N, C-alpha and C. Protein backbone atom coordinates (compact mmCIF):
# COMPACT_ATOMS: atom_id res chain seq x y z
N MET A 1 0.95 18.41 24.03
CA MET A 1 1.87 17.32 23.81
C MET A 1 1.20 15.99 24.15
N ILE A 2 1.35 15.03 23.29
CA ILE A 2 0.75 13.71 23.48
C ILE A 2 1.68 12.88 24.36
N VAL A 3 1.10 12.29 25.39
CA VAL A 3 1.84 11.47 26.35
C VAL A 3 1.51 10.01 26.10
N LEU A 4 2.54 9.15 26.15
CA LEU A 4 2.36 7.71 26.02
C LEU A 4 2.40 7.07 27.40
N SER A 5 1.53 6.11 27.65
CA SER A 5 1.50 5.42 28.93
C SER A 5 1.04 3.99 28.75
N ASP A 6 1.69 3.07 29.48
CA ASP A 6 1.25 1.68 29.46
C ASP A 6 0.44 1.32 30.71
N ASP A 7 -0.09 2.33 31.38
CA ASP A 7 -0.97 2.13 32.52
C ASP A 7 -2.36 1.74 31.98
N LYS A 8 -2.72 0.48 32.14
CA LYS A 8 -4.00 -0.01 31.59
C LYS A 8 -5.21 0.68 32.20
N THR A 9 -5.06 1.20 33.41
CA THR A 9 -6.21 1.86 34.04
C THR A 9 -6.57 3.16 33.34
N ARG A 10 -5.65 3.71 32.56
CA ARG A 10 -5.93 4.95 31.81
C ARG A 10 -6.67 4.69 30.49
N LEU A 11 -6.65 3.47 30.02
CA LEU A 11 -7.25 3.18 28.71
C LEU A 11 -8.75 3.48 28.71
N ASP A 12 -9.19 4.10 27.64
CA ASP A 12 -10.61 4.31 27.40
C ASP A 12 -11.08 3.11 26.57
N VAL A 13 -11.48 2.06 27.28
CA VAL A 13 -11.79 0.78 26.63
C VAL A 13 -12.92 0.93 25.63
N ALA A 14 -13.90 1.74 25.93
CA ALA A 14 -15.02 1.95 24.98
C ALA A 14 -14.50 2.59 23.70
N ARG A 15 -13.60 3.53 23.82
CA ARG A 15 -13.02 4.18 22.63
C ARG A 15 -12.18 3.19 21.83
N VAL A 16 -11.34 2.43 22.53
CA VAL A 16 -10.52 1.42 21.86
C VAL A 16 -11.42 0.42 21.14
N HIS A 17 -12.47 -0.01 21.81
CA HIS A 17 -13.41 -0.94 21.18
C HIS A 17 -14.00 -0.34 19.91
N GLY A 18 -14.42 0.92 19.96
CA GLY A 18 -14.97 1.58 18.77
C GLY A 18 -13.98 1.60 17.62
N TRP A 19 -12.73 1.91 17.92
CA TRP A 19 -11.70 1.92 16.87
C TRP A 19 -11.53 0.54 16.26
N LEU A 20 -11.35 -0.46 17.13
CA LEU A 20 -11.09 -1.81 16.62
C LEU A 20 -12.30 -2.39 15.89
N ALA A 21 -13.49 -2.11 16.38
CA ALA A 21 -14.71 -2.62 15.74
C ALA A 21 -14.89 -2.02 14.35
N SER A 22 -14.28 -0.85 14.10
CA SER A 22 -14.39 -0.21 12.79
C SER A 22 -13.19 -0.52 11.89
N SER A 23 -12.23 -1.29 12.38
CA SER A 23 -11.02 -1.58 11.61
C SER A 23 -11.25 -2.69 10.59
N TYR A 24 -10.35 -2.77 9.62
CA TYR A 24 -10.46 -3.86 8.63
C TYR A 24 -10.02 -5.19 9.23
N TRP A 25 -9.23 -5.19 10.29
CA TRP A 25 -8.70 -6.45 10.82
C TRP A 25 -9.57 -7.06 11.92
N THR A 26 -10.45 -6.28 12.56
CA THR A 26 -11.36 -6.84 13.56
C THR A 26 -12.74 -6.20 13.47
N PRO A 27 -13.33 -6.16 12.28
CA PRO A 27 -14.62 -5.49 12.16
C PRO A 27 -15.68 -6.14 13.04
N GLY A 28 -16.39 -5.31 13.78
CA GLY A 28 -17.48 -5.81 14.60
C GLY A 28 -17.06 -6.56 15.85
N ILE A 29 -15.80 -6.49 16.24
CA ILE A 29 -15.33 -7.23 17.42
C ILE A 29 -16.15 -6.84 18.65
N ALA A 30 -16.45 -7.82 19.48
CA ALA A 30 -17.22 -7.58 20.70
C ALA A 30 -16.34 -6.91 21.75
N ILE A 31 -16.94 -6.06 22.55
CA ILE A 31 -16.18 -5.36 23.58
C ILE A 31 -15.58 -6.34 24.59
N GLU A 32 -16.27 -7.46 24.85
CA GLU A 32 -15.73 -8.45 25.78
C GLU A 32 -14.42 -9.04 25.26
N GLN A 33 -14.32 -9.22 23.96
CA GLN A 33 -13.08 -9.74 23.39
C GLN A 33 -11.97 -8.70 23.48
N VAL A 34 -12.29 -7.44 23.24
CA VAL A 34 -11.30 -6.37 23.39
C VAL A 34 -10.80 -6.32 24.83
N GLU A 35 -11.70 -6.46 25.79
CA GLU A 35 -11.30 -6.46 27.20
C GLU A 35 -10.34 -7.61 27.49
N ARG A 36 -10.62 -8.79 26.95
CA ARG A 36 -9.72 -9.95 27.16
C ARG A 36 -8.38 -9.72 26.47
N GLN A 37 -8.39 -9.12 25.28
CA GLN A 37 -7.13 -8.83 24.59
C GLN A 37 -6.28 -7.86 25.41
N ILE A 38 -6.91 -6.84 25.94
CA ILE A 38 -6.19 -5.87 26.77
C ILE A 38 -5.62 -6.54 28.01
N ALA A 39 -6.41 -7.39 28.65
CA ALA A 39 -5.96 -8.07 29.87
C ALA A 39 -4.74 -8.95 29.62
N GLY A 40 -4.65 -9.53 28.42
CA GLY A 40 -3.56 -10.46 28.13
C GLY A 40 -2.40 -9.87 27.34
N SER A 41 -2.34 -8.55 27.24
CA SER A 41 -1.32 -7.91 26.41
C SER A 41 -0.66 -6.76 27.15
N HIS A 42 0.50 -6.36 26.66
CA HIS A 42 1.15 -5.14 27.12
C HIS A 42 0.59 -4.02 26.24
N CYS A 43 -0.19 -3.14 26.81
CA CYS A 43 -0.91 -2.13 26.04
C CYS A 43 -0.29 -0.75 26.24
N LEU A 44 -0.44 0.07 25.22
CA LEU A 44 0.06 1.44 25.25
C LEU A 44 -1.04 2.37 24.77
N GLY A 45 -1.28 3.40 25.53
CA GLY A 45 -2.23 4.43 25.13
C GLY A 45 -1.49 5.72 24.85
N ALA A 46 -2.04 6.51 23.93
CA ALA A 46 -1.52 7.84 23.62
C ALA A 46 -2.60 8.84 24.02
N TYR A 47 -2.21 9.85 24.80
CA TYR A 47 -3.19 10.75 25.41
C TYR A 47 -2.87 12.21 25.11
N HIS A 48 -3.88 12.89 24.59
CA HIS A 48 -3.80 14.33 24.32
C HIS A 48 -4.44 15.04 25.51
N PRO A 49 -3.84 16.12 26.01
CA PRO A 49 -4.39 16.78 27.20
C PRO A 49 -5.82 17.28 27.05
N GLU A 50 -6.24 17.63 25.84
CA GLU A 50 -7.60 18.14 25.64
C GLU A 50 -8.55 17.13 25.04
N HIS A 51 -8.02 16.18 24.27
CA HIS A 51 -8.87 15.25 23.52
C HIS A 51 -8.90 13.84 24.09
N GLY A 52 -8.21 13.60 25.19
CA GLY A 52 -8.20 12.26 25.79
C GLY A 52 -7.36 11.29 24.97
N GLN A 53 -7.77 10.04 24.99
CA GLN A 53 -6.99 9.01 24.31
C GLN A 53 -7.11 9.16 22.79
N VAL A 54 -5.96 9.24 22.13
CA VAL A 54 -5.94 9.42 20.68
C VAL A 54 -5.17 8.29 19.97
N GLY A 55 -4.66 7.33 20.74
CA GLY A 55 -3.93 6.23 20.11
C GLY A 55 -3.90 5.01 21.01
N PHE A 56 -3.63 3.87 20.38
CA PHE A 56 -3.58 2.60 21.10
C PHE A 56 -2.69 1.64 20.31
N ALA A 57 -1.97 0.82 21.03
CA ALA A 57 -1.22 -0.29 20.45
C ALA A 57 -1.03 -1.33 21.53
N ARG A 58 -0.81 -2.57 21.11
CA ARG A 58 -0.56 -3.60 22.10
C ARG A 58 0.46 -4.59 21.58
N MET A 59 1.16 -5.21 22.51
CA MET A 59 2.17 -6.21 22.19
C MET A 59 1.80 -7.49 22.93
N ILE A 60 1.76 -8.58 22.19
CA ILE A 60 1.56 -9.90 22.76
C ILE A 60 2.94 -10.53 22.79
N THR A 61 3.41 -10.94 23.97
CA THR A 61 4.81 -11.30 24.08
C THR A 61 5.11 -12.28 25.20
N ASP A 62 6.26 -12.93 25.08
CA ASP A 62 6.80 -13.71 26.19
C ASP A 62 7.90 -12.93 26.90
N TYR A 63 8.18 -11.72 26.43
CA TYR A 63 9.21 -10.83 26.98
C TYR A 63 10.61 -11.43 26.93
N ALA A 64 10.79 -12.46 26.15
CA ALA A 64 12.10 -13.11 26.08
C ALA A 64 12.62 -13.21 24.65
N SER A 65 11.79 -13.78 23.77
CA SER A 65 12.29 -13.98 22.42
C SER A 65 11.30 -13.63 21.31
N PHE A 66 10.02 -13.50 21.62
CA PHE A 66 9.04 -13.25 20.57
C PHE A 66 8.00 -12.23 21.02
N SER A 67 7.63 -11.34 20.12
CA SER A 67 6.59 -10.34 20.38
C SER A 67 5.78 -10.11 19.11
N TRP A 68 4.48 -10.02 19.26
CA TRP A 68 3.58 -9.76 18.15
C TRP A 68 2.91 -8.40 18.39
N LEU A 69 3.16 -7.48 17.49
CA LEU A 69 2.57 -6.15 17.56
C LEU A 69 1.18 -6.19 16.95
N ALA A 70 0.21 -5.62 17.65
CA ALA A 70 -1.17 -5.69 17.17
C ALA A 70 -1.93 -4.39 17.47
N ASP A 71 -2.96 -4.17 16.70
CA ASP A 71 -3.96 -3.13 16.98
C ASP A 71 -3.38 -1.73 17.12
N VAL A 72 -2.42 -1.39 16.29
CA VAL A 72 -1.90 -0.02 16.32
C VAL A 72 -2.96 0.88 15.68
N TRP A 73 -3.42 1.85 16.44
CA TRP A 73 -4.48 2.74 15.97
C TRP A 73 -4.19 4.16 16.41
N VAL A 74 -4.33 5.09 15.48
CA VAL A 74 -4.24 6.52 15.78
C VAL A 74 -5.56 7.14 15.33
N ASP A 75 -6.19 7.87 16.22
CA ASP A 75 -7.46 8.52 15.92
C ASP A 75 -7.27 9.48 14.74
N GLU A 76 -8.26 9.55 13.89
CA GLU A 76 -8.18 10.33 12.64
C GLU A 76 -7.59 11.73 12.81
N PRO A 77 -8.06 12.55 13.76
CA PRO A 77 -7.51 13.91 13.87
C PRO A 77 -6.03 13.96 14.28
N ALA A 78 -5.52 12.88 14.86
CA ALA A 78 -4.13 12.85 15.32
C ALA A 78 -3.18 12.21 14.31
N ARG A 79 -3.71 11.75 13.19
CA ARG A 79 -2.88 11.07 12.19
C ARG A 79 -1.99 12.04 11.43
N GLY A 80 -0.91 11.50 10.89
CA GLY A 80 -0.02 12.27 10.04
C GLY A 80 1.09 12.98 10.77
N ALA A 81 1.19 12.81 12.09
CA ALA A 81 2.23 13.48 12.87
C ALA A 81 3.25 12.50 13.44
N GLY A 82 3.20 11.23 13.00
CA GLY A 82 4.18 10.25 13.45
C GLY A 82 3.84 9.54 14.74
N LEU A 83 2.60 9.67 15.22
CA LEU A 83 2.24 9.04 16.48
C LEU A 83 2.27 7.52 16.40
N GLY A 84 1.83 6.94 15.30
CA GLY A 84 1.88 5.48 15.15
C GLY A 84 3.32 4.98 15.26
N ARG A 85 4.23 5.63 14.55
CA ARG A 85 5.65 5.25 14.63
C ARG A 85 6.17 5.42 16.05
N ARG A 86 5.78 6.52 16.67
CA ARG A 86 6.25 6.79 18.04
C ARG A 86 5.80 5.69 19.00
N MET A 87 4.56 5.22 18.86
CA MET A 87 4.07 4.15 19.74
C MET A 87 4.83 2.85 19.50
N VAL A 88 5.05 2.50 18.24
CA VAL A 88 5.79 1.27 17.94
C VAL A 88 7.23 1.39 18.45
N GLN A 89 7.86 2.53 18.23
CA GLN A 89 9.23 2.73 18.70
C GLN A 89 9.30 2.63 20.22
N TRP A 90 8.27 3.08 20.91
CA TRP A 90 8.21 2.98 22.37
C TRP A 90 8.40 1.53 22.80
N PHE A 91 7.68 0.62 22.14
CA PHE A 91 7.84 -0.81 22.46
C PHE A 91 9.24 -1.29 22.12
N LEU A 92 9.74 -0.94 20.93
CA LEU A 92 11.05 -1.40 20.50
C LEU A 92 12.17 -0.94 21.44
N ASP A 93 12.00 0.24 22.02
CA ASP A 93 13.00 0.79 22.93
C ASP A 93 12.82 0.36 24.38
N HIS A 94 11.69 -0.20 24.71
CA HIS A 94 11.38 -0.54 26.10
C HIS A 94 12.37 -1.59 26.63
N PRO A 95 12.85 -1.42 27.85
CA PRO A 95 13.83 -2.37 28.41
C PRO A 95 13.34 -3.81 28.43
N ASP A 96 12.05 -4.04 28.60
CA ASP A 96 11.53 -5.42 28.65
C ASP A 96 11.64 -6.16 27.33
N TYR A 97 11.91 -5.44 26.24
CA TYR A 97 11.94 -6.07 24.92
C TYR A 97 13.35 -6.19 24.34
N GLN A 98 14.35 -5.93 25.11
CA GLN A 98 15.70 -5.89 24.56
C GLN A 98 16.27 -7.27 24.22
N THR A 99 15.71 -8.34 24.76
CA THR A 99 16.17 -9.69 24.39
C THR A 99 15.31 -10.33 23.31
N VAL A 100 14.26 -9.64 22.90
CA VAL A 100 13.35 -10.21 21.89
C VAL A 100 14.08 -10.33 20.56
N ARG A 101 14.05 -11.53 19.99
CA ARG A 101 14.73 -11.80 18.73
C ARG A 101 13.83 -11.59 17.51
N ARG A 102 12.53 -11.71 17.70
CA ARG A 102 11.62 -11.57 16.55
C ARG A 102 10.37 -10.80 16.96
N PHE A 103 10.16 -9.70 16.26
CA PHE A 103 8.91 -8.95 16.36
C PHE A 103 8.15 -9.23 15.08
N ALA A 104 6.86 -9.47 15.19
CA ALA A 104 6.04 -9.76 14.02
C ALA A 104 4.78 -8.90 14.06
N LEU A 105 4.18 -8.74 12.90
CA LEU A 105 2.92 -8.00 12.79
C LEU A 105 2.29 -8.35 11.46
N THR A 106 1.05 -7.93 11.32
CA THR A 106 0.32 -8.06 10.07
C THR A 106 -0.22 -6.68 9.71
N THR A 107 -0.10 -6.30 8.45
CA THR A 107 -0.66 -5.03 8.00
C THR A 107 -1.09 -5.15 6.55
N ALA A 108 -2.12 -4.42 6.20
CA ALA A 108 -2.55 -4.37 4.81
C ALA A 108 -2.14 -3.06 4.14
N ASP A 109 -1.85 -2.04 4.95
CA ASP A 109 -1.68 -0.72 4.34
C ASP A 109 -0.62 0.17 4.98
N ALA A 110 0.15 -0.33 5.94
CA ALA A 110 1.12 0.53 6.62
C ALA A 110 2.54 0.00 6.51
N HIS A 111 2.84 -0.64 5.41
CA HIS A 111 4.18 -1.22 5.24
C HIS A 111 5.29 -0.18 5.38
N GLY A 112 5.09 1.01 4.85
CA GLY A 112 6.09 2.05 4.94
C GLY A 112 6.35 2.51 6.36
N VAL A 113 5.30 2.58 7.15
CA VAL A 113 5.46 2.96 8.56
C VAL A 113 6.36 1.96 9.27
N TYR A 114 6.08 0.68 9.07
CA TYR A 114 6.83 -0.35 9.77
C TYR A 114 8.22 -0.56 9.18
N ALA A 115 8.37 -0.42 7.87
CA ALA A 115 9.69 -0.55 7.25
C ALA A 115 10.65 0.49 7.81
N ALA A 116 10.15 1.69 8.06
CA ALA A 116 10.98 2.76 8.62
C ALA A 116 11.48 2.41 10.02
N LEU A 117 10.84 1.46 10.67
CA LEU A 117 11.22 1.02 12.01
C LEU A 117 11.98 -0.30 12.00
N GLY A 118 12.37 -0.77 10.80
CA GLY A 118 13.18 -1.97 10.70
C GLY A 118 12.42 -3.25 10.43
N PHE A 119 11.12 -3.18 10.22
CA PHE A 119 10.35 -4.38 9.89
C PHE A 119 10.52 -4.68 8.40
N ASN A 120 10.56 -5.95 8.07
CA ASN A 120 10.76 -6.41 6.70
C ASN A 120 9.76 -7.51 6.37
N PRO A 121 9.56 -7.80 5.08
CA PRO A 121 8.77 -8.97 4.73
C PRO A 121 9.42 -10.21 5.34
N LEU A 122 8.65 -11.26 5.50
CA LEU A 122 9.17 -12.48 6.11
C LEU A 122 10.39 -13.00 5.36
N MET A 123 11.40 -13.38 6.09
CA MET A 123 12.59 -13.95 5.49
C MET A 123 12.29 -15.34 4.94
N ARG A 124 11.47 -16.09 5.65
CA ARG A 124 11.12 -17.45 5.23
C ARG A 124 9.60 -17.64 5.31
N PRO A 125 8.86 -17.03 4.39
CA PRO A 125 7.40 -17.11 4.49
C PRO A 125 6.86 -18.53 4.38
N GLU A 126 7.62 -19.41 3.74
CA GLU A 126 7.16 -20.79 3.61
C GLU A 126 7.10 -21.52 4.95
N ARG A 127 7.69 -20.94 5.98
CA ARG A 127 7.68 -21.56 7.30
C ARG A 127 6.54 -21.05 8.18
N LEU A 128 5.87 -20.02 7.75
CA LEU A 128 4.79 -19.45 8.54
C LEU A 128 3.49 -20.17 8.22
N MET A 129 2.78 -20.54 9.25
CA MET A 129 1.47 -21.16 9.09
C MET A 129 0.51 -20.50 10.06
N GLU A 130 -0.77 -20.66 9.81
CA GLU A 130 -1.77 -20.13 10.72
C GLU A 130 -2.96 -21.05 10.75
N ARG A 131 -3.70 -20.97 11.84
CA ARG A 131 -4.95 -21.72 11.99
C ARG A 131 -6.01 -20.72 12.40
N LEU A 132 -6.97 -20.49 11.54
CA LEU A 132 -8.03 -19.52 11.79
C LEU A 132 -9.30 -20.24 12.23
N SER A 133 -10.06 -19.59 13.09
CA SER A 133 -11.37 -20.13 13.40
C SER A 133 -12.20 -20.07 12.12
N ALA A 134 -13.18 -20.94 12.00
CA ALA A 134 -14.02 -20.96 10.80
C ALA A 134 -14.71 -19.62 10.59
N ALA A 135 -15.20 -19.02 11.67
CA ALA A 135 -15.90 -17.74 11.56
C ALA A 135 -14.96 -16.63 11.08
N PHE A 136 -13.74 -16.61 11.60
CA PHE A 136 -12.80 -15.56 11.20
C PHE A 136 -12.35 -15.78 9.76
N ALA A 137 -12.12 -17.02 9.36
CA ALA A 137 -11.74 -17.31 7.98
C ALA A 137 -12.84 -16.86 7.02
N ALA A 138 -14.10 -17.11 7.37
CA ALA A 138 -15.21 -16.67 6.54
C ALA A 138 -15.26 -15.14 6.46
N GLN A 139 -15.01 -14.49 7.57
CA GLN A 139 -15.02 -13.04 7.62
C GLN A 139 -13.92 -12.47 6.71
N LEU A 140 -12.74 -13.07 6.74
CA LEU A 140 -11.64 -12.61 5.90
C LEU A 140 -11.94 -12.84 4.42
N GLN A 141 -12.58 -13.95 4.09
CA GLN A 141 -12.92 -14.21 2.70
C GLN A 141 -13.92 -13.19 2.17
N VAL A 142 -14.85 -12.79 3.00
CA VAL A 142 -15.85 -11.78 2.60
C VAL A 142 -15.15 -10.44 2.38
N ALA A 143 -14.18 -10.12 3.23
CA ALA A 143 -13.49 -8.85 3.18
C ALA A 143 -12.53 -8.74 1.99
N SER A 144 -12.08 -9.86 1.46
CA SER A 144 -11.07 -9.79 0.38
C SER A 144 -11.65 -9.78 -0.99
């Protein structure tokens, strides 16, 4: 049985770094940046008794009105059993998030996973803006 825990001391940071460095959204990310992201976020690990950490997700939040879901990852052998949904639902059900009015995320390929949990396309996309670092903007242009 896979256990979920938000105890940051249990995280296998090297494994999380490997996953994120291989992702389409943070290719090649430095481990130091992953460590800073973990330090500044509410993180969740998924742990298999024989295989160790098999999932990761984090929430960037003020715990009052806004939360940004990021870096949801399920290790390849553990995929297809609903673990990604289970991790996201864990955050949505957590007592610290019950006053949050807006949860946001970005995805290129998991719209169905998030739609099943109540996420929708932006109601007012014309109001959303972003400011990217020059290096990250260049990286995204190469990837698209």
